[in-house]
C-alpha atoms as a PDB file:
ATOM      1  CA  MET A   1      11.707 -32.439 -18.251  1.00  0.00           C
ATOM      2  CA  LYS A   2      10.936 -30.177 -20.579  1.00  0.00           C
ATOM      3  CA  GLY A   3       7.415 -30.559 -20.016  1.00  0.00           C
ATOM      4  CA  GLY A   4       8.116 -29.541 -16.723  1.00  0.00           C
ATOM      5  CA  MET A   5       9.676 -26.547 -17.704  1.00  0.00           C
ATOM      6  CA  GLN A   6       6.718 -25.799 -19.650  1.00  0.00           C
ATOM      7  CA  ASP A   7       4.581 -26.158 -17.009  1.00  0.00           C
ATOM      8  CA  MET A   8       6.666 -23.835 -14.444  1.00  0.00           C
ATOM      9  CA  LEU A   9       6.821 -21.296 -17.049  1.00  0.00           C
ATOM     10  CA  ARG A  10       3.244 -20.853 -17.744  1.00  0.00           C
ATOM     11  CA  GLN A  11       2.521 -20.745 -13.974  1.00  0.00           C
ATOM     12  CA  VAL A  12       5.076 -17.617 -14.326  1.00  0.00           C
ATOM     13  CA  GLN A  13       3.263 -16.064 -17.128  1.00  0.00           C
ATOM     14  CA  LYS A  14       0.276 -16.683 -15.328  1.00  0.00           C
ATOM     15  CA  LEU A  15       1.675 -15.592 -12.120  1.00  0.00           C
ATOM     16  CA  GLN A  16       2.745 -12.435 -13.532  1.00  0.00           C
ATOM     17  CA  GLU A  17      -0.989 -11.930 -15.033  1.00  0.00           C
ATOM     18  CA  GLU A  18      -2.218 -12.005 -11.462  1.00  0.00           C
ATOM     19  CA  MET A  19      -0.090  -9.886 -10.196  1.00  0.00           C
ATOM     20  CA  GLN A  20      -0.549  -6.920 -12.952  1.00  0.00           C
ATOM     21  CA  LYS A  21      -4.502  -7.463 -12.109  1.00  0.00           C
ATOM     22  CA  THR A  22      -3.635  -6.776  -8.344  1.00  0.00           C
ATOM     23  CA  GLN A  23      -1.282  -3.749  -9.085  1.00  0.00           C
ATOM     24  CA  ALA A  24      -4.127  -2.319 -11.293  1.00  0.00           C
ATOM     25  CA  GLY A  25      -6.861  -3.402  -8.762  1.00  0.00           C
ATOM     26  CA  LEU A  26      -4.577  -1.765  -5.725  1.00  0.00           C
ATOM     27  CA  ALA A  27      -4.792   1.852  -7.636  1.00  0.00           C
ATOM     28  CA  ASN A  28      -8.105   1.548  -6.999  1.00  0.00           C
ATOM     29  CA  ARG A  29      -8.424   0.673  -3.531  1.00  0.00           C
ATOM     30  CA  THR A  30      -7.627   3.538  -1.261  1.00  0.00           C
ATOM     31  CA  VAL A  31      -6.632   3.526   2.939  1.00  0.00           C
ATOM     32  CA  THR A  32      -7.517   6.164   5.301  1.00  0.00           C
ATOM     33  CA  ALA A  33      -5.059   7.350   8.470  1.00  0.00           C
ATOM     34  CA  GLU A  34      -5.429  10.156  10.972  1.00  0.00           C
ATOM     35  CA  ALA A  35      -3.440  11.985  13.091  1.00  0.00           C
ATOM     36  CA  GLY A  36      -4.280  14.611  16.206  1.00  0.00           C
ATOM     37  CA  GLY A  37      -7.253  12.477  17.065  1.00  0.00           C
ATOM     38  CA  GLY A  38      -8.484  12.691  13.862  1.00  0.00           C
ATOM     39  CA  ILE A  39      -7.988  16.584  12.880  1.00  0.00           C
ATOM     40  CA  ILE A  40      -5.594  15.126  10.004  1.00  0.00           C
ATOM     41  CA  LYS A  41      -6.814  12.728   7.928  1.00  0.00           C
ATOM     42  CA  ALA A  42      -4.594  11.836   4.545  1.00  0.00           C
ATOM     43  CA  VAL A  43      -6.451   9.133   2.214  1.00  0.00           C
ATOM     44  CA  ALA A  44      -3.636   7.029  -0.018  1.00  0.00           C
ATOM     45  CA  SER A  45      -3.881   4.725  -3.008  1.00  0.00           C
ATOM     46  CA  GLY A  46      -3.366   1.691  -2.752  1.00  0.00           C
ATOM     47  CA  ASN A  47       0.022   2.302  -5.086  1.00  0.00           C
ATOM     48  CA  LYS A  48       1.142   4.053  -2.378  1.00  0.00           C
ATOM     49  CA  LYS A  49      -0.442   7.872  -3.492  1.00  0.00           C
ATOM     50  CA  ILE A  50      -1.728  10.591  -1.703  1.00  0.00           C
ATOM     51  CA  VAL A  51      -4.912  10.656  -3.148  1.00  0.00           C
ATOM     52  CA  SER A  52      -6.347  13.651  -0.276  1.00  0.00           C
ATOM     53  CA  ILE A  53      -5.383  15.895   2.603  1.00  0.00           C
ATOM     54  CA  GLU A  54      -8.354  16.922   4.983  1.00  0.00           C
ATOM     55  CA  ILE A  55      -7.684  19.450   8.175  1.00  0.00           C
ATOM     56  CA  ASP A  56     -10.583  20.288  10.238  1.00  0.00           C
ATOM     57  CA  LYS A  57     -11.141  23.980   9.968  1.00  0.00           C
ATOM     58  CA  GLN A  58     -11.474  24.506  13.671  1.00  0.00           C
ATOM     59  CA  VAL A  59      -7.552  23.654  13.724  1.00  0.00           C
ATOM     60  CA  ILE A  60      -6.238  26.397  11.131  1.00  0.00           C
ATOM     61  CA  ASN A  61      -4.309  28.928  13.588  1.00  0.00           C
ATOM     62  CA  PRO A  62      -1.589  30.670  11.944  1.00  0.00           C
ATOM     63  CA  ASP A  63       0.577  30.649  15.333  1.00  0.00           C
ATOM     64  CA  GLU A  64       0.761  26.926  15.530  1.00  0.00           C
ATOM     65  CA  LYS A  65       2.025  26.174  11.760  1.00  0.00           C
ATOM     66  CA  GLU A  66       4.668  24.306  12.778  1.00  0.00           C
ATOM     67  CA  PHE A  67       2.291  22.097  15.240  1.00  0.00           C
ATOM     68  CA  LEU A  68      -0.705  21.334  11.641  1.00  0.00           C
ATOM     69  CA  GLU A  69       2.308  20.666   9.877  1.00  0.00           C
ATOM     70  CA  ASP A  70       3.945  18.066  12.354  1.00  0.00           C
ATOM     71  CA  LEU A  71       0.529  16.346  12.354  1.00  0.00           C
ATOM     72  CA  VAL A  72       0.036  16.638   8.340  1.00  0.00           C
ATOM     73  CA  VAL A  73       3.614  14.583   8.175  1.00  0.00           C
ATOM     74  CA  ALA A  74       1.985  11.969  10.455  1.00  0.00           C
ATOM     75  CA  ALA A  75      -1.015  11.160   8.726  1.00  0.00           C
ATOM     76  CA  VAL A  76       0.614  11.101   5.473  1.00  0.00           C
ATOM     77  CA  ASN A  77       2.795   8.922   6.988  1.00  0.00           C
ATOM     78  CA  LYS A  78       0.483   6.490   8.294  1.00  0.00           C
ATOM     79  CA  ALA A  79      -1.643   6.679   5.056  1.00  0.00           C
ATOM     80  CA  LEU A  80       1.741   5.474   2.848  1.00  0.00           C
ATOM     81  CA  GLU A  81       2.489   2.619   5.778  1.00  0.00           C
ATOM     82  CA  SER A  82      -0.903   1.338   5.437  1.00  0.00           C
ATOM     83  CA  ALA A  83      -1.337   1.645   1.696  1.00  0.00           C
ATOM     84  CA  GLU A  84       2.164  -0.885   1.833  1.00  0.00           C
ATOM     85  CA  LYS A  85       0.743  -3.353   3.941  1.00  0.00           C
ATOM     86  CA  MET A  86      -2.507  -3.374   2.136  1.00  0.00           C
ATOM     87  CA  SER A  87      -0.402  -4.105  -1.225  1.00  0.00           C
ATOM     88  CA  GLU A  88       1.731  -6.921   0.815  1.00  0.00           C
ATOM     89  CA  ASP A  89      -1.111  -8.449   1.421  1.00  0.00           C
ATOM     90  CA  GLU A  90      -2.811  -8.565  -1.451  1.00  0.00           C
ATOM     91  CA  MET A  91       0.563  -9.574  -3.355  1.00  0.00           C
ATOM     92  CA  GLY A  92       1.359 -12.042  -0.560  1.00  0.00           C
ATOM     93  CA  LYS A  93      -2.084 -14.039  -1.530  1.00  0.00           C
ATOM     94  CA  LEU A  94      -0.995 -14.546  -5.177  1.00  0.00           C
ATOM     95  CA  THR A  95       2.757 -15.887  -3.679  1.00  0.00           C
ATOM     96  CA  LYS A  96       1.708 -17.961  -0.810  1.00  0.00           C
ATOM     97  CA  GLY A  97       2.981 -21.173  -1.537  1.00  0.00           C
ATOM     98  CA  MET A  98       5.730 -20.367  -3.966  1.00  0.00           C
ATOM     99  CA  ILE A  99       8.239 -18.835  -2.186  1.00  0.00           C
ATOM    100  CA  PRO A 100       9.881 -21.118   0.274  1.00  0.00           C
ATOM    101  CA  PRO A 101       9.758 -19.685   3.734  1.00  0.00           C
ATOM    102  CA  GLY A 102      12.698 -17.819   5.155  1.00  0.00           C
ATOM    103  CA  LEU A 103      13.344 -16.381   1.500  1.00  0.00           C
ATOM    104  CA  ASN A 104      12.788 -12.980   2.176  1.00  0.00           C
ATOM    105  CA  ILE A 105      11.906 -11.086  -1.746  1.00  0.00           C
ATOM    106  CA  PRO A 106      10.766  -7.914  -1.199  1.00  0.00           C
ATOM    107  CA  GLY A 107       7.256  -7.191  -2.139  1.00  0.00           C
ATOM    108  CA  PHE A 108       6.448 -11.465  -2.015  1.00  0.00           C
ATOM    109  CA  SER A 109       5.164 -12.150   1.776  1.00  0.00           C
END
């Protein structure tokens, strides 16, 4: 039994190391989301931080400020959702087969 416990602890430690590497790699990956047919673009990193926002200069109109703000919010939310999915997919690759079916642990798909 002692050997089995040590093996399991080694596997957990290896998994933790792989998860840290994956999380570091996600920080260098980005996803882009658009709103308003591409007039607003938001770029988010894999660690769910907004990297940039691009606004087509043709839509900058002081009279439509609220509309533009709504599009920015929509693009940012889409980018963050995409970053979350990318993160879950990458972390899920590491834990595939380790988490019993039906056991929903956040961050482990």
